Structures are given as structure tokens and as C-alpha cells.
Amino acid sequence: MIVVDGIVMGPNHCAYQNCSEKLANAKTGVFCLRYESQHEGLCRMKSCYNIKERNSQTCVNHRQNWYNHVIRFGRQSVLGIRRIIEELKKKPNHEPQEPDNYFVAPHFYCVETICAPCGVSEGAHQIVEFLEKIYPTQETRPSYVCIDKACVVLKFLINSHNWNIWKTSTRFVVDSFHYINHRVKDYLCRTYCNPGPLNGSAPNLVVVERDIEAFNTQACEQLNAWLGGFQSILNRMAVDNFNWTLHAMLFIHTQRVIQKQNKKQNQQMQTQAEQRADEDGIEEDGVEINRVD
């Protein structure tokens, strides 16, 4: 089984449409090397190629646009501007609109993580693409994929006629934390995405004798909670530094988790050995008593 989840954080990338390359200038730039050379000295409004004014990011025709931006965000840091934009997106009547300028460099929406628990906007389309990239062949795919949007992903695969590719190798289940909030009337979710079915349809997911889940379906949530403590630092890094630091952190974290698991296993084995020794001692005492009688 694998557990997939995403955490909202990421470095800046090029502001040009459909370009995700790293910035030529990580501090004040908004373009990668390619588009920085093409737009150097030009107005930062989209579809405008006039020369920009001195001490401004726009030409004479779009002076008011830059003035309005400075008035609204002039005293805000880059993180403050992002926070305002994110709060606007959360409003119920707000519809996200594509900006008409290149004033601020956008950032990657989230980091998708995959955890393999012992005994990865994150929409359905992006999640499926991510899984197909990690597991390109049927032989490499896990038996279970646990994700908070499993029922949405399953519906997407069925509607896009891609379910036949996955159904012979993988079952999609919702993690136990989010499953309790899914609609009871959602037949597909309740029937095929239950993380702990007791009807015998997925015996590998449940330890029936103890009535508990066989896997930690919160593995990614726990990992992302730990990563969230470094979000403010990671968000300010350039793409290369971000990738290297994140991989190094994940490697160190994995080593620590393995050490804790080994220590816990050794303690359990030691406890069991002591219990067996105590039981053997009791039996021997009982035999001696019988002999005296």
C-alpha cells in the first residue's frame, strides 16, 4: 500500500504562461532566463511590448496599473501578497482569475508526497498523472493507493475510460481520517473506497482479530505536518535549493523513522522474551512444588 497526500508549499517559478522553469533572479525576478531576455526593459503587462518607464514596471499607457499595484501591495512582502491572494480565493463568491500582468512571480501550488506505511491544485487529473509517472507499468503499481480524494480519483478514471488500466492491479481507498466526512449516500465511495471494510472484501486492510486497520493511513498527513514546520523557509528558496533541501530533509526524516521502528521492535522482542522467561519460571516452580507433595 502507498498513501498519497499534498502539502501547500513551493518555490517561485517563471510567470510566463505555462512556464514552470526556475527564475533567473530568485530575489526580484519574475521570469526564467529565456523570457527574461525577451522581456527585459519591456512593460510587465501581458500582451504589451512597449518600453517601460524609469522606476516603474509598466509603460506610460499602463502607468495606473502599476500605481494601483504599489498602493495595494507596496508595503507587503512577497509572502504577504500571496497570503492576500490566497484569502481572496477562499471567499465563496470569488472566482480565480488569470492575472493580466507579470508583477509577481507565481509559486508551485503544492508538494505531493507518497508514503509506504509499514504493518503523494491537487486535482484528480494531476494525481493520476503523478501516479502514472511514479508507477509507469502495471507490475510496479501498488495493490492499494490511499488518498483523501480516492473516490474522486476513481470517478475520474472511470469517466476518462482509464479504469481498465488500473483495476487489475490497484484499489483506491480513502484514508480513515477523511473517510468519516465523506457522504454516506455516496455508494461508490462507501462500497469501493472504504479503508477498513469488515465484510471480507479487502482482508489485507484490516486485522479482524483486533478490529483495527493493518496500515497507518495517516502516514502522509503526519509527514506533511512535520514538513509544514519548514514551510516559511522552503518557500523563499530558489527551485534548485528547494529541491535539494526537501530531498535531504526527507532522507534524514526517513532514517530517523526507521531507527524508531527498529528500537520499538527490539523493545517488543525484549518484552516478549521476558514474559516467556517469567512463564517458564512459574512452570518450573509448579513442578518442584508437585515433587515435594
Protein backbone atom coordinates (compact mmCIF):
# COMPACT_ATOMS: atom_id res chain seq x y z
CA MET A 1 0.00 0.00 0.00
CA ILE A 2 1.01 3.61 -0.58
CA VAL A 3 -0.51 6.74 0.98
CA VAL A 4 -0.67 9.92 -1.13
CA ASP A 5 -1.22 13.49 0.06
CA GLY A 6 -0.15 17.04 -0.77
CA ILE A 7 1.04 19.99 1.32
CA VAL A 8 0.57 23.56 0.06
CA MET A 9 4.06 24.99 -0.35
CA GLY A 10 6.61 25.51 -3.09
CA PRO A 11 9.18 27.90 -4.58
CA ASN A 12 8.63 30.59 -7.21
CA HIS A 13 8.71 29.81 -10.89
CA CYS A 14 8.56 31.76 -14.14
CA ALA A 15 5.47 33.98 -14.51
CA TYR A 16 5.16 33.44 -18.26
CA GLN A 17 2.12 31.39 -19.27
CA ASN A 18 2.61 27.60 -18.93
CA CYS A 19 6.27 28.00 -17.97
CA SER A 20 7.49 26.38 -14.74
CA GLU A 21 11.24 26.99 -15.12
CA LYS A 22 13.24 28.45 -12.24
CA LEU A 23 13.68 32.23 -12.01
CA ALA A 24 16.72 33.93 -13.48
CA ASN A 25 16.76 36.20 -10.40
CA ALA A 26 15.40 34.41 -7.34
CA LYS A 27 15.03 37.62 -5.29
CA THR A 28 13.32 40.16 -7.55
CA GLY A 29 12.85 38.38 -10.89
CA VAL A 30 9.60 37.05 -12.36
CA PHE A 31 10.94 35.29 -15.50
CA CYS A 32 13.30 32.44 -16.30
CA LEU A 33 16.43 33.07 -18.36
CA ARG A 34 14.57 32.56 -21.65
CA TYR A 35 11.73 35.02 -21.05
CA GLU A 36 13.87 37.43 -19.01
CA SER A 37 15.92 38.14 -22.12
CA GLN A 38 12.76 38.54 -24.24
CA HIS A 39 11.01 40.93 -21.81
CA GLU A 40 13.98 42.87 -20.48
CA GLY A 41 13.10 46.57 -20.38
CA LEU A 42 9.52 45.95 -21.59
CA CYS A 43 6.19 46.68 -19.91
CA ARG A 44 5.15 44.00 -17.44
CA MET A 45 1.53 44.00 -18.61
CA LYS A 46 0.63 40.96 -20.68
CA SER A 47 0.39 41.49 -24.46
CA CYS A 48 2.16 44.85 -24.17
CA TYR A 49 5.63 45.28 -25.68
CA ASN A 50 6.21 48.99 -25.04
CA ILE A 51 9.30 50.22 -23.22
CA LYS A 52 8.63 50.59 -19.50
CA GLU A 53 9.15 53.88 -17.70
CA ARG A 54 12.01 54.61 -15.37
CA ASN A 55 11.41 53.38 -11.79
CA SER A 56 8.32 51.55 -12.97
CA GLN A 57 7.35 48.13 -14.28
CA THR A 58 4.94 49.41 -16.94
CA CYS A 59 4.85 51.76 -19.90
CA VAL A 60 3.10 55.15 -19.96
CA ASN A 61 -0.17 53.59 -21.13
CA HIS A 62 -0.33 51.23 -18.16
CA ARG A 63 1.03 53.57 -15.51
CA GLN A 64 -2.19 53.39 -13.49
CA ASN A 65 -1.98 49.59 -13.26
CA TRP A 66 1.44 49.75 -11.65
CA TYR A 67 0.34 52.61 -9.40
CA ASN A 68 -2.65 50.58 -8.15
CA HIS A 69 -0.40 47.58 -7.50
CA VAL A 70 2.06 49.67 -5.48
CA ILE A 71 -0.73 51.27 -3.46
CA ARG A 72 -2.25 47.89 -2.62
CA PHE A 73 0.85 45.76 -2.14
CA GLY A 74 3.68 48.28 -1.77
CA ARG A 75 4.18 47.70 1.94
CA GLN A 76 3.58 43.99 1.75
CA SER A 77 6.27 41.36 1.44
CA VAL A 78 6.02 38.74 -1.29
CA LEU A 79 4.63 36.30 1.27
CA GLY A 80 2.11 38.94 2.36
CA ILE A 81 0.90 39.40 -1.21
CA ARG A 82 0.46 35.66 -1.61
CA ARG A 83 -1.45 35.49 1.66
CA ILE A 84 -3.89 38.17 0.48
CA ILE A 85 -4.41 36.36 -2.84
CA GLU A 86 -4.97 33.01 -1.07
CA GLU A 87 -7.52 34.59 1.29
CA LEU A 88 -9.39 36.02 -1.70
CA LYS A 89 -9.52 32.57 -3.29
CA LYS A 90 -11.11 31.13 -0.15
CA LYS A 91 -14.09 33.51 -0.36
CA PRO A 92 -17.21 31.68 -1.60
CA ASN A 93 -18.10 34.21 -4.32
CA HIS A 94 -14.55 34.70 -5.54
CA GLU A 95 -13.65 33.19 -8.90
CA PRO A 96 -9.88 32.87 -9.51
CA GLN A 97 -8.80 34.97 -12.46
CA GLU A 98 -5.65 34.85 -14.50
CA PRO A 99 -3.57 37.97 -13.72
CA ASP A 100 -3.15 40.45 -16.57
CA ASN A 101 0.42 41.35 -15.57
CA TYR A 102 3.84 39.97 -14.66
CA PHE A 103 4.32 41.96 -11.44
CA VAL A 104 4.76 38.98 -9.08
CA ALA A 105 6.28 35.57 -9.76
CA PRO A 106 3.84 32.71 -9.06
CA HIS A 107 4.77 29.68 -6.97
CA PHE A 108 4.19 25.96 -7.23
CA TYR A 109 0.92 25.08 -5.54
CA CYS A 110 1.89 22.03 -3.52
CA VAL A 111 4.34 19.23 -2.88
CA GLU A 112 2.80 15.80 -3.45
CA THR A 113 4.20 13.08 -1.21
CA ILE A 114 3.95 9.29 -1.32
CA CYS A 115 4.48 7.19 1.81
CA ALA A 116 4.68 3.43 2.07
CA PRO A 117 3.34 2.72 5.60
CA CYS A 118 4.59 -0.32 7.47
CA GLY A 119 2.20 -3.08 9.10
CA VAL A 120 1.73 11.84 -2.68
CA SER A 121 -4.12 22.44 -7.05
CA GLU A 122 -4.08 18.53 -6.33
CA GLY A 123 -6.99 17.59 -8.55
CA ALA A 124 -7.85 14.10 -9.75
CA HIS A 125 -6.18 14.65 -13.13
CA GLN A 126 -2.91 15.82 -11.54
CA ILE A 127 -2.95 12.94 -9.03
CA VAL A 128 -3.40 10.33 -11.78
CA GLU A 129 -0.58 11.88 -13.85
CA PHE A 130 1.64 11.86 -10.75
CA LEU A 131 0.91 8.17 -10.07
CA GLU A 132 1.44 7.18 -13.71
CA LYS A 133 4.81 8.92 -13.68
CA ILE A 134 5.92 7.16 -10.49
CA TYR A 135 4.45 3.78 -11.49
CA PRO A 136 4.65 3.56 -15.31
CA THR A 137 3.99 -0.19 -15.59
CA GLN A 138 1.35 -2.46 -14.11
CA GLU A 139 3.97 -4.62 -12.42
CA THR A 140 5.28 -1.69 -10.36
CA ARG A 141 1.90 -0.42 -9.17
CA PRO A 142 0.89 -0.94 -5.53
CA SER A 143 -2.08 -3.06 -4.52
CA TYR A 144 -3.67 -0.14 -2.65
CA VAL A 145 -3.48 3.65 -3.09
CA CYS A 146 -4.75 5.52 -0.05
CA ILE A 147 -5.65 9.18 -0.59
CA ASP A 148 -8.23 11.58 0.82
CA LYS A 149 -9.77 12.01 -2.66
CA ALA A 150 -9.79 8.34 -3.62
CA CYS A 151 -13.46 8.33 -4.65
CA VAL A 152 -12.90 11.42 -6.81
CA VAL A 153 -9.87 9.82 -8.45
CA LEU A 154 -11.84 6.61 -9.01
CA LYS A 155 -14.69 8.52 -10.69
CA PHE A 156 -12.18 10.37 -12.87
CA LEU A 157 -10.57 7.12 -14.01
CA ILE A 158 -13.98 5.63 -14.85
CA ASN A 159 -15.19 8.73 -16.73
CA SER A 160 -11.91 9.06 -18.65
CA HIS A 161 -12.01 5.36 -19.63
CA ASN A 162 -8.70 4.69 -17.86
CA TRP A 163 -10.07 2.42 -15.15
CA ASN A 164 -9.24 -0.74 -17.11
CA ILE A 165 -5.56 0.19 -16.83
CA TRP A 166 -5.69 0.28 -13.01
CA LYS A 167 -8.45 -2.10 -11.91
CA THR A 168 -6.43 -5.31 -12.30
CA SER A 169 -3.58 -4.09 -10.09
CA THR A 170 -4.76 -1.35 -7.70
CA ARG A 171 -7.60 -0.46 -5.38
CA PHE A 172 -8.16 3.19 -4.31
CA VAL A 173 -9.22 3.79 -0.70
CA VAL A 174 -9.85 6.93 1.38
CA ASP A 175 -7.72 7.42 4.49
CA SER A 176 -9.52 6.82 7.77
CA PHE A 177 -9.41 10.46 8.91
CA HIS A 178 -11.17 11.88 5.83
CA TYR A 179 -13.44 8.89 5.28
CA ILE A 180 -15.72 9.83 8.19
CA ASN A 181 -16.57 13.11 6.42
CA HIS A 182 -17.48 11.53 3.09
CA ARG A 183 -21.17 11.31 2.26
CA VAL A 184 -22.98 8.23 3.49
CA LYS A 185 -25.14 8.22 0.35
CA ASP A 186 -22.07 8.04 -1.92
CA TYR A 187 -22.43 4.38 -2.88
CA LEU A 188 -19.23 4.22 -4.92
CA CYS A 189 -17.15 5.67 -2.06
CA ARG A 190 -18.72 3.50 0.65
CA THR A 191 -18.51 0.34 -1.42
CA TYR A 192 -15.12 0.56 -3.12
CA CYS A 193 -13.10 3.16 -1.13
CA ASN A 194 -13.69 2.01 2.45
CA PRO A 195 -10.29 1.91 4.26
CA GLY A 196 -11.44 -0.74 6.74
CA PRO A 197 -14.19 -2.97 5.32
CA LEU A 198 -15.30 -5.74 7.67
CA ASN A 199 -17.17 -7.71 5.02
CA GLY A 200 -14.05 -9.55 3.89
CA SER A 201 -13.72 -7.67 0.59
CA ALA A 202 -10.22 -6.41 1.50
CA PRO A 203 -8.74 -8.70 4.20
CA ASN A 204 -5.28 -7.14 3.83
CA LEU A 205 -6.55 -3.78 5.12
CA VAL A 206 -7.94 -4.97 8.46
CA VAL A 207 -6.69 -7.06 11.37
CA VAL A 208 -10.04 -8.72 12.09
CA GLU A 209 -8.97 -10.27 15.41
CA ARG A 210 -8.12 -6.84 16.84
CA ASP A 211 -10.66 -4.82 14.77
CA ILE A 212 -8.02 -2.31 13.64
CA GLU A 213 -6.52 -1.16 10.35
CA ALA A 214 -3.47 -3.07 9.20
CA PHE A 215 -1.77 0.07 7.83
CA ASN A 216 -1.19 3.61 9.04
CA THR A 217 -3.30 5.51 6.50
CA GLN A 218 -2.27 8.80 8.14
CA ALA A 219 1.40 8.41 7.14
CA CYS A 220 1.35 11.28 4.63
CA GLU A 221 -0.67 13.55 6.92
CA GLN A 222 1.93 13.02 9.64
CA LEU A 223 4.81 13.62 7.24
CA ASN A 224 3.24 16.80 5.84
CA ALA A 225 2.56 18.09 9.35
CA TRP A 226 6.30 17.76 10.01
CA LEU A 227 7.21 19.42 6.69
CA GLY A 228 4.81 22.28 7.41
CA GLY A 229 7.15 23.48 10.15
CA PHE A 230 9.72 24.38 7.46
CA GLN A 231 7.25 25.93 5.01
CA SER A 232 8.23 29.58 5.52
CA ILE A 233 11.91 28.73 4.94
CA LEU A 234 11.37 26.48 1.92
CA ASN A 235 9.01 28.92 0.18
CA ARG A 236 11.77 31.54 -0.02
CA MET A 237 14.29 29.27 -1.72
CA ALA A 238 15.17 29.04 -5.39
CA VAL A 239 13.94 25.92 -7.17
CA ASP A 240 17.26 24.04 -7.07
CA ASN A 241 17.85 24.84 -3.39
CA PHE A 242 14.24 23.91 -2.60
CA ASN A 243 14.52 20.50 -4.29
CA TRP A 244 17.87 19.67 -2.70
CA THR A 245 16.82 20.75 0.81
CA LEU A 246 13.50 18.93 0.61
CA HIS A 247 15.14 15.69 -0.56
CA ALA A 248 17.78 15.96 2.17
CA MET A 249 15.11 16.56 4.82
CA LEU A 250 13.06 13.59 3.63
CA PHE A 251 16.15 11.34 3.65
CA ILE A 252 17.06 12.35 7.21
CA HIS A 253 13.45 12.01 8.36
CA THR A 254 13.20 8.54 6.82
CA GLN A 255 16.36 7.39 8.60
CA ARG A 256 15.01 8.63 11.93
CA VAL A 257 11.66 6.89 11.40
CA ILE A 258 13.43 3.61 10.57
CA GLN A 259 15.57 3.94 13.72
CA LYS A 260 12.46 4.50 15.85
CA GLN A 261 10.74 1.49 14.28
CA ASN A 262 13.78 -0.73 14.89
CA LYS A 263 14.03 0.47 18.50
CA LYS A 264 10.32 -0.18 19.05
CA GLN A 265 10.61 -3.65 17.51
CA ASN A 266 13.61 -4.51 19.67
CA GLN A 267 11.76 -3.38 22.79
CA GLN A 268 8.76 -5.53 21.87
CA MET A 269 11.00 -8.56 21.29
CA GLN A 270 12.73 -7.97 24.62
CA THR A 271 9.39 -7.66 26.43
CA GLN A 272 8.13 -10.89 24.85
CA ALA A 273 11.33 -12.69 25.80
CA GLU A 274 11.00 -11.53 29.43
CA GLN A 275 7.36 -12.66 29.51
CA ARG A 276 8.32 -16.08 28.19
CA ALA A 277 11.10 -16.34 30.77
CA ASP A 278 8.68 -15.45 33.58
CA GLU A 279 6.17 -18.05 32.34
CA ASP A 280 8.89 -20.71 32.18
CA GLY A 281 9.92 -19.81 35.72
CA ILE A 282 6.38 -20.21 37.01
CA GLU A 283 6.06 -23.62 35.38
CA GLU A 284 9.34 -24.82 36.88
CA ASP A 285 8.25 -23.66 40.35
CA GLY A 286 4.99 -25.55 39.91
CA VAL A 287 6.87 -28.75 39.03
CA GLU A 288 9.08 -28.50 42.13
CA ILE A 289 6.07 -28.00 44.36
CA ASN A 290 4.39 -31.08 42.94
CA ARG A 291 7.51 -33.12 43.64
CA VAL A 292 7.55 -32.02 47.30
CA ASP A 293 3.95 -33.09 47.71
